[in-house]
Protein backbone atom coordinates (compact mmCIF):
# COMPACT_ATOMS: atom_id res chain seq x y z
CA MET A 1 6.23 -22.96 -89.70
CA ARG A 2 7.38 -22.41 -93.47
CA VAL A 3 7.49 -18.62 -94.15
CA THR A 4 8.37 -16.23 -97.25
CA LEU A 5 10.49 -13.13 -96.76
CA THR A 6 9.91 -10.52 -99.44
CA ALA A 7 11.58 -7.33 -99.76
CA ILE A 8 10.89 -5.02 -102.53
CA LYS A 9 12.70 -1.40 -103.32
CA ALA A 10 11.95 1.23 -105.27
CA ASP A 11 12.75 5.00 -106.09
CA ILE A 12 9.10 6.60 -106.70
CA GLY A 13 9.93 10.35 -105.77
CA SER A 14 12.48 12.60 -103.74
CA ILE A 15 12.45 15.81 -102.19
CA GLY A 16 14.82 18.40 -103.64
CA GLY A 17 16.38 15.99 -105.89
CA HIS A 18 17.60 12.92 -104.80
CA ILE A 19 17.64 13.35 -101.12
CA ARG A 20 14.81 11.26 -99.56
CA PRO A 21 11.20 10.26 -99.95
CA SER A 22 8.39 12.49 -98.45
CA ALA A 23 6.50 11.61 -95.11
CA SER A 24 3.34 11.61 -97.35
CA LEU A 25 4.85 8.94 -99.58
CA LEU A 26 5.73 6.71 -96.67
CA LYS A 27 2.00 7.19 -95.61
CA GLU A 28 0.51 6.35 -98.73
CA VAL A 29 2.74 2.94 -99.23
CA GLU A 30 1.65 1.98 -95.63
CA ARG A 31 -2.18 3.11 -96.27
CA SER A 32 -2.08 0.71 -99.29
CA LEU A 33 -0.56 -2.25 -97.42
CA GLN A 34 -2.44 -2.05 -94.16
CA PRO A 35 -5.87 -3.62 -95.59
CA HIS A 36 -3.58 -6.60 -96.66
CA LEU A 37 -2.49 -7.23 -93.18
CA ASP A 38 -3.58 -10.61 -91.60
CA SER A 39 -5.39 -11.58 -94.74
CA ASP A 40 -2.84 -11.74 -97.63
CA PHE A 41 0.38 -11.54 -95.77
CA ILE A 42 1.35 -11.69 -91.80
CA ASP A 43 3.27 -9.00 -91.19
CA PHE A 44 5.26 -6.02 -92.87
CA ARG A 45 7.71 -3.26 -91.98
CA LEU A 46 8.67 0.21 -94.12
CA SER A 47 11.84 2.07 -94.28
CA TYR A 48 13.94 4.05 -96.69
CA THR A 49 17.72 4.24 -97.36
CA GLY A 50 18.34 7.52 -99.69
CA ASP A 51 15.53 8.17 -101.95
CA ASP A 52 14.12 4.72 -101.85
CA ILE A 53 11.25 3.06 -99.92
CA ALA A 54 11.89 -0.34 -98.86
CA ILE A 55 8.72 -2.62 -97.99
CA LEU A 56 9.40 -5.80 -96.03
CA MET A 57 6.54 -8.48 -95.68
CA THR A 58 6.09 -12.07 -94.26
CA HIS A 59 3.66 -14.61 -95.75
CA THR A 60 3.01 -18.11 -96.64
CA HIS A 61 2.42 -17.97 -100.45
CA GLY A 62 5.97 -18.84 -101.47
CA THR A 63 8.53 -16.63 -103.52
CA ASP A 64 7.24 -15.09 -107.08
CA ASN A 65 3.82 -15.12 -105.81
CA PRO A 66 1.43 -12.93 -107.95
CA LEU A 67 -0.66 -11.49 -105.19
CA ILE A 68 2.26 -10.33 -102.99
CA HIS A 69 3.97 -8.74 -105.88
CA GLN A 70 0.58 -7.03 -106.90
CA ILE A 71 0.24 -5.49 -103.33
CA ALA A 72 3.76 -4.15 -103.46
CA TRP A 73 3.22 -2.81 -107.12
CA ASP A 74 -0.16 -1.11 -106.39
CA ALA A 75 1.75 0.58 -103.34
CA PHE A 76 4.41 2.24 -104.92
CA LYS A 77 2.09 3.24 -107.81
CA ALA A 78 -0.59 4.92 -105.35
CA ALA A 79 2.66 6.67 -103.95
CA ALA A 80 3.87 7.62 -107.28
CA ASP A 81 0.74 9.27 -107.81
CA VAL A 82 1.12 11.30 -104.71
CA ALA A 83 4.72 12.14 -105.76
CA LYS A 84 3.65 13.64 -108.96
CA LYS A 85 0.82 15.70 -107.31
CA GLU A 86 3.56 17.14 -104.76
CA GLY A 87 5.85 17.70 -107.75
CA LEU A 88 8.66 15.47 -106.43
CA TYR A 89 11.67 14.68 -108.22
CA GLY A 90 11.74 11.25 -110.27
CA ALA A 91 8.01 10.84 -109.44
CA GLY A 92 7.63 6.76 -110.43
CA GLN A 93 11.26 6.81 -111.51
CA ASP A 94 11.66 2.79 -110.88
CA LEU A 95 8.13 1.86 -111.99
CA LEU A 96 9.55 1.14 -115.58
CA LYS A 97 6.20 -0.47 -116.99
CA ASP A 98 2.61 0.79 -116.99
CA ALA A 99 0.82 -2.44 -116.24
CA PHE A 100 1.32 -5.32 -113.77
CA SER A 101 1.96 -8.54 -115.51
CA GLY A 102 1.95 -11.26 -112.67
CA ASN A 103 5.26 -10.76 -111.35
CA ILE A 104 7.21 -7.55 -110.16
CA ARG A 105 10.35 -8.88 -111.46
CA GLY A 106 11.49 -6.92 -114.74
CA LEU A 107 9.00 -3.92 -113.76
CA GLY A 108 12.08 -1.77 -112.16
CA PRO A 109 11.57 -2.30 -108.38
CA GLY A 110 14.46 -4.70 -106.62
CA ILE A 111 13.17 -7.52 -105.02
CA ALA A 112 14.79 -10.15 -102.75
CA GLU A 113 12.94 -13.14 -101.38
CA MET A 114 13.37 -16.19 -99.58
CA GLU A 115 11.41 -19.32 -98.16
CA PHE A 116 12.35 -21.40 -95.32
CA GLU A 117 11.16 -23.34 -92.58
CA GLU A 118 11.57 -21.44 -89.32
CA ARG A 119 14.24 -22.36 -86.73
CA LYS A 120 13.35 -21.95 -83.08
CA SER A 121 14.99 -18.54 -82.93
CA GLU A 122 15.09 -16.96 -86.78
CA PRO A 123 17.42 -13.89 -86.94
CA PHE A 124 18.04 -12.14 -90.19
CA LEU A 125 19.28 -9.07 -91.88
CA LEU A 126 17.68 -6.84 -94.55
CA PHE A 127 20.30 -4.76 -96.19
CA ALA A 128 18.97 -1.96 -98.31
CA ALA A 129 21.55 0.17 -100.87
CA ASP A 130 21.10 3.47 -102.52
CA LYS A 131 23.40 5.39 -105.47
CA THR A 132 25.15 1.81 -106.38
CA ASP A 133 24.34 -1.45 -108.48
CA PRO A 134 23.64 -5.21 -107.37
CA GLY A 135 27.31 -5.86 -107.54
CA ALA A 136 27.98 -3.70 -104.55
CA PHE A 137 27.05 -6.78 -102.33
CA ASN A 138 29.72 -9.06 -104.06
CA LEU A 139 32.69 -8.23 -101.73
CA PRO A 140 30.69 -8.13 -98.40
CA LEU A 141 28.94 -11.65 -99.33
CA TYR A 142 32.14 -13.34 -100.60
CA LEU A 143 34.04 -12.29 -97.38
CA ALA A 144 31.31 -13.38 -95.11
CA PHE A 145 30.68 -16.58 -96.43
CA CYS A 146 34.07 -17.86 -97.75
CA ASP A 147 36.80 -16.18 -96.03
CA PRO A 148 37.91 -17.07 -92.46
CA MET A 149 39.64 -13.91 -91.76
CA TYR A 150 36.17 -12.61 -91.75
CA CYS A 151 34.10 -15.39 -90.64
CA SER A 152 35.59 -17.19 -87.98
CA GLY A 153 32.65 -19.69 -88.15
CA LEU A 154 34.20 -21.61 -90.98
CA LEU A 155 37.13 -22.48 -88.66
CA LEU A 156 35.06 -22.93 -85.31
CA SER A 157 31.57 -23.84 -86.24
CA PRO A 158 31.01 -27.43 -87.55
CA LYS A 159 27.86 -26.57 -89.05
CA MET A 160 29.84 -24.33 -91.65
CA PHE A 161 32.94 -26.72 -92.18
CA LYS A 162 31.39 -27.94 -95.50
CA GLY A 163 31.06 -24.16 -96.75
CA PHE A 164 28.43 -22.41 -98.93
CA LYS A 165 27.23 -22.83 -102.77
CA PHE A 166 26.82 -19.53 -104.70
CA GLU A 167 24.38 -18.83 -107.40
CA ILE A 168 26.18 -15.99 -109.56
CA MET A 169 24.18 -14.41 -112.34
CA ASP A 170 25.67 -12.72 -115.17
CA VAL A 171 23.37 -9.46 -115.38
CA SER A 172 24.85 -8.40 -118.47
CA TYR A 173 22.66 -11.11 -120.48
CA THR A 174 19.25 -9.93 -120.91
CA GLU A 175 17.34 -12.89 -122.57
CA GLY A 176 16.84 -14.89 -119.20
CA ASP A 177 18.49 -15.46 -116.36
CA LYS A 178 22.14 -16.59 -116.80
CA VAL A 179 23.18 -18.17 -113.65
CA ILE A 180 26.22 -20.37 -112.61
CA ALA A 181 26.41 -22.40 -109.29
CA LEU A 182 29.91 -22.68 -107.65
CA VAL A 183 30.89 -23.93 -104.19
CA ALA A 184 33.29 -22.67 -101.63
CA PRO A 185 35.98 -23.31 -100.51
CA GLU A 186 36.68 -25.93 -103.74
CA GLU A 187 35.81 -23.51 -106.64
CA LEU A 188 36.97 -20.46 -104.52
CA TYR A 189 39.41 -19.12 -107.13
CA ASP A 190 36.46 -19.51 -109.77
CA ILE A 191 34.18 -17.54 -107.51
CA ALA A 192 36.67 -14.68 -107.09
CA ALA A 193 37.32 -14.69 -110.94
CA LEU A 194 33.70 -13.57 -111.55
CA LEU A 195 33.11 -11.49 -108.57
CA ARG A 196 35.91 -9.19 -109.55
CA ASP A 197 33.52 -7.87 -112.15
CA PRO A 198 30.76 -6.43 -110.09
CA GLU A 199 29.12 -4.52 -112.96
CA ARG A 200 28.38 -7.82 -114.88
CA TYR A 201 28.81 -10.77 -112.33
CA VAL A 202 26.45 -10.58 -109.26
CA ILE A 203 25.79 -12.96 -106.60
CA LYS A 204 22.05 -14.04 -106.44
CA ALA A 205 21.89 -16.55 -103.75
CA VAL A 206 23.91 -18.33 -101.29
CA TYR A 207 23.23 -21.68 -99.74
CA SER A 208 24.45 -23.76 -96.94
CA ARG A 209 25.99 -27.03 -98.21
CA THR A 210 25.34 -28.73 -94.79
CA THR A 211 21.71 -28.11 -94.53
CA GLY A 212 20.78 -27.16 -98.31
CA GLU A 213 19.10 -23.93 -96.80
CA ILE A 214 18.99 -20.51 -98.42
CA ALA A 215 21.35 -18.27 -96.36
CA ALA A 216 21.03 -15.27 -98.59
CA VAL A 217 19.36 -13.59 -101.64
CA ALA A 218 20.00 -10.21 -103.44
CA SER A 219 18.09 -8.35 -105.94
CA THR A 220 19.53 -8.50 -109.44
CA THR A 221 17.64 -6.01 -111.35
CA ARG A 222 19.49 -3.66 -113.84
CA LEU A 223 17.44 -0.72 -114.98
CA HIS A 224 18.85 0.04 -117.94
CA ASN A 225 18.70 -3.76 -119.07
CA ILE A 226 14.77 -3.05 -118.86
CA ALA A 227 14.78 0.56 -119.99
CA GLY A 228 17.19 0.60 -122.71
CA LYS A 229 18.79 3.67 -121.27
CA TYR A 230 20.11 5.40 -117.84
CA VAL A 231 17.29 5.86 -115.92
CA GLY A 232 18.88 5.94 -112.37
CA LYS A 233 21.25 3.42 -110.36
CA ASP A 234 19.93 -0.06 -109.47
CA ASP A 235 19.95 0.50 -105.74
CA PRO A 236 19.79 -3.24 -104.61
CA ILE A 237 18.42 -5.00 -101.31
CA LEU A 238 19.64 -8.04 -99.71
CA LEU A 239 18.25 -10.64 -97.21
CA VAL A 240 20.71 -12.72 -95.04
CA ARG A 241 19.87 -15.10 -92.32
CA ALA A 242 22.51 -15.25 -89.22
CA GLN A 243 23.73 -17.87 -86.64
CA GLY A 244 23.35 -21.24 -86.45
CA SER A 245 24.04 -22.91 -89.92
CA PHE A 246 24.97 -19.29 -91.29
CA PRO A 247 27.64 -17.02 -90.28
CA ALA A 248 26.81 -14.67 -87.01
CA THR A 249 25.51 -11.23 -87.34
CA GLY A 250 28.75 -9.59 -86.52
CA GLU A 251 30.66 -11.84 -89.19
CA ILE A 252 28.10 -10.67 -91.85
CA LEU A 253 28.58 -7.00 -90.94
CA GLU A 254 32.19 -7.01 -90.52
CA PRO A 255 33.14 -6.74 -94.31
CA TYR A 256 31.17 -3.47 -94.42
CA ALA A 257 33.78 -1.64 -92.56
CA LEU A 258 36.09 -2.03 -95.49
CA VAL A 259 33.92 0.66 -97.38
CA PRO A 260 34.91 -0.85 -100.80
CA TYR A 261 34.73 1.20 -103.68
CA VAL A 262 31.67 0.61 -105.93
CA GLY A 263 29.75 1.91 -109.02
CA GLY A 264 27.02 4.49 -108.82
CA PHE A 265 27.40 8.00 -107.08
CA MET A 266 26.46 10.99 -109.04
CA ARG A 267 24.28 10.15 -112.27
CA GLY A 268 25.26 6.53 -111.83
CA SER A 269 28.57 6.99 -113.31
CA HIS A 270 31.25 7.13 -110.90
CA GLN A 271 32.86 4.98 -108.23
CA GLY A 272 32.56 6.00 -104.57
CA PRO A 273 33.07 4.23 -100.96
CA LEU A 274 30.18 2.40 -99.75
CA MET A 275 28.96 4.00 -96.58
CA PRO A 276 27.16 2.22 -93.86
CA VAL A 277 24.59 4.43 -92.62
CA LYS A 278 21.70 4.28 -90.22
CA ARG A 279 18.15 3.40 -90.98
CA ASN A 280 16.24 6.09 -92.88
CA SER A 281 19.15 8.25 -93.90
CA SER A 282 19.22 10.34 -96.91
CA VAL A 283 22.04 11.20 -99.44
CA SER A 284 23.73 14.74 -100.09
CA PHE A 285 27.24 14.84 -101.02
CA PHE A 286 27.64 14.39 -104.80
CA ASP A 287 24.37 12.67 -104.96
CA GLY A 288 25.85 10.05 -102.28
CA PRO A 289 28.10 8.60 -101.28
CA PRO A 290 26.53 5.01 -101.92
CA ILE A 291 25.09 3.98 -98.68
CA VAL A 292 24.02 0.91 -97.51
CA SER A 293 21.79 0.26 -94.39
CA CYS A 294 21.12 -2.75 -92.17
CA THR A 295 17.95 -3.46 -90.09
CA ALA A 296 18.05 -6.72 -88.10
CA TYR A 297 14.85 -8.74 -87.40
CA CYS A 298 13.90 -12.12 -85.81
CA VAL A 299 10.49 -13.73 -87.40
CA LYS A 300 8.54 -16.00 -85.36
CA GLU A 301 4.96 -17.44 -87.13
CA GLY A 302 5.54 -14.77 -89.63
CA LYS A 303 5.57 -12.35 -87.18
CA LEU A 304 8.49 -9.54 -87.03
CA SER A 305 9.97 -8.72 -83.99
CA GLU A 306 10.99 -5.07 -82.96
CA GLU A 307 13.88 -3.66 -85.67
CA ALA A 308 17.47 -3.14 -84.52
CA ASP A 309 19.47 -0.81 -86.67
CA ALA A 310 22.72 -2.57 -87.09
CA PHE A 311 24.62 0.31 -88.34
CA ASP A 312 23.86 2.65 -85.37
CA HIS A 313 26.64 1.98 -83.04
CA PRO A 314 29.79 4.32 -82.24
CA PHE A 315 32.30 1.81 -84.26
CA TRP A 316 30.29 2.39 -87.57
CA ASP A 317 30.43 6.54 -86.91
CA TYR A 318 34.33 5.69 -87.23
CA VAL A 319 33.84 3.91 -90.50
CA ARG A 320 31.56 6.61 -91.70
CA GLU A 321 34.49 9.12 -91.16
CA ILE A 322 36.92 6.70 -93.08
CA ALA A 323 34.00 6.65 -95.84
CA SER A 324 33.84 10.25 -95.82
CA LYS A 325 37.48 10.72 -96.33
CA LYS A 326 37.69 8.08 -99.09
CA ALA A 327 34.73 9.94 -101.10
CA ILE A 328 36.41 13.19 -100.93
CA GLU A 329 39.74 11.92 -102.00
CA LEU A 330 38.32 10.33 -105.05
CA ARG A 331 36.24 13.02 -105.81
CA ARG A 332 39.32 15.25 -106.25
CA GLN A 333 40.15 13.46 -109.25
CA GLY A 334 36.73 14.47 -110.91
CA PHE A 335 36.00 12.93 -114.25
CA TYR A 336 39.48 11.41 -114.75
CA GLY A 337 40.36 7.34 -115.08
CA ASN A 338 38.99 5.40 -112.07
CA ALA A 339 36.85 8.09 -110.61
CA MET A 340 34.27 7.47 -113.23
CA LEU A 341 33.10 3.93 -114.47
CA PRO A 342 34.18 2.51 -117.78
CA TYR A 343 32.68 3.17 -120.70
CA GLY A 344 30.32 0.07 -120.91
CA GLU A 345 28.53 1.19 -117.80
CA LEU A 346 28.34 4.75 -119.25
CA GLU A 347 26.92 3.59 -122.69
CA TYR A 348 23.24 4.53 -121.80
CA GLY A 349 24.20 8.03 -120.75
CA GLY A 350 24.55 11.31 -122.44
CA ILE A 351 28.42 10.93 -123.08
CA VAL A 352 27.75 8.34 -125.75
CA GLU A 353 26.15 10.92 -128.06
CA ARG A 354 28.76 13.26 -127.43
CA LEU A 355 31.55 10.53 -128.38
CA LYS A 356 29.48 9.45 -131.26
CA ALA A 357 29.51 13.26 -132.58
CA LEU A 358 33.27 13.50 -131.96
CA GLU A 359 33.86 10.18 -133.86
CA GLY A 360 33.06 11.94 -137.02
CA LYS A 361 35.63 14.74 -136.50
CA PHE A 362 38.71 12.40 -135.98
CA LYS A 363 40.90 12.10 -139.31
CA ILE A 364 43.12 9.31 -139.69
CA ARG A 365 46.77 10.04 -140.93
CA HIS A 366 48.93 7.71 -143.02
């Protein structure tokens, strides 16, 4: 059976600042989706990560389908109305346009979609991140699909010997989708040269070079490129197929133990460690730290299995301690140096107005 996975995520309101959505928001999204079950889509699941609500749907309409996008948009809009009535913070924050125009891309919510022919067993992972940007997935995807130090399947599984193809997007370009395709291992250094700059170059998709099938797809929405100003961090979402011609689930998860520093944190203007958290976790310390959840599923004829929380394990408790220590250590540096993002990423914040005001006070001495 050919099936499509659609994952869409947005911040539409939160309790007490940027903490988590209210139970009534989740109920409203579910209420909006329920009438479409079995008619317009096959199955769906809801979850939240930080203050973002994620919708996962399965269907047979392919990617970029107007009906599926409209259903998700209407659910978020209905919940945003509830958020406004409750006086929740940032109500409808990620819904940057007033009207739906046939495709949810460019309207604010992050979206990741993939279409494929189901295997006999079809395991996949849904990653949802908060208080960070799409580049947060660059290093974990690179290590899981390129590096035999992390992915032993590149050495042990003949189905992966040919490597993988990466589609990488320049998200600073706003006139369209500026994308390059590079293959590993032959162009590994070129891939690394781009991915070292996660604020500009972001992995859009990964494909098996053995089968040609899609392996992973990530959202690439930059909210400030849509709104023209800072309205919140981009809070990306990622779908990854596992096993067989793709890395094993454990190989996909291992890179997150590095807790790499990523952009985001407070006001989307700082660096912080990417902490792997359990499903339905809130944010707290300095509006963070940047967090990522991972839910594992299997899909059969479009029906989703019971979910498994991939980061709900004693091992990840230890990793979370490391992330906390890294966050505290970097926060000791306050505003200085690498603790904050470079000027290019701050240009949509109030600091730009301050610096412009100061510019006129400089005097040139000869």
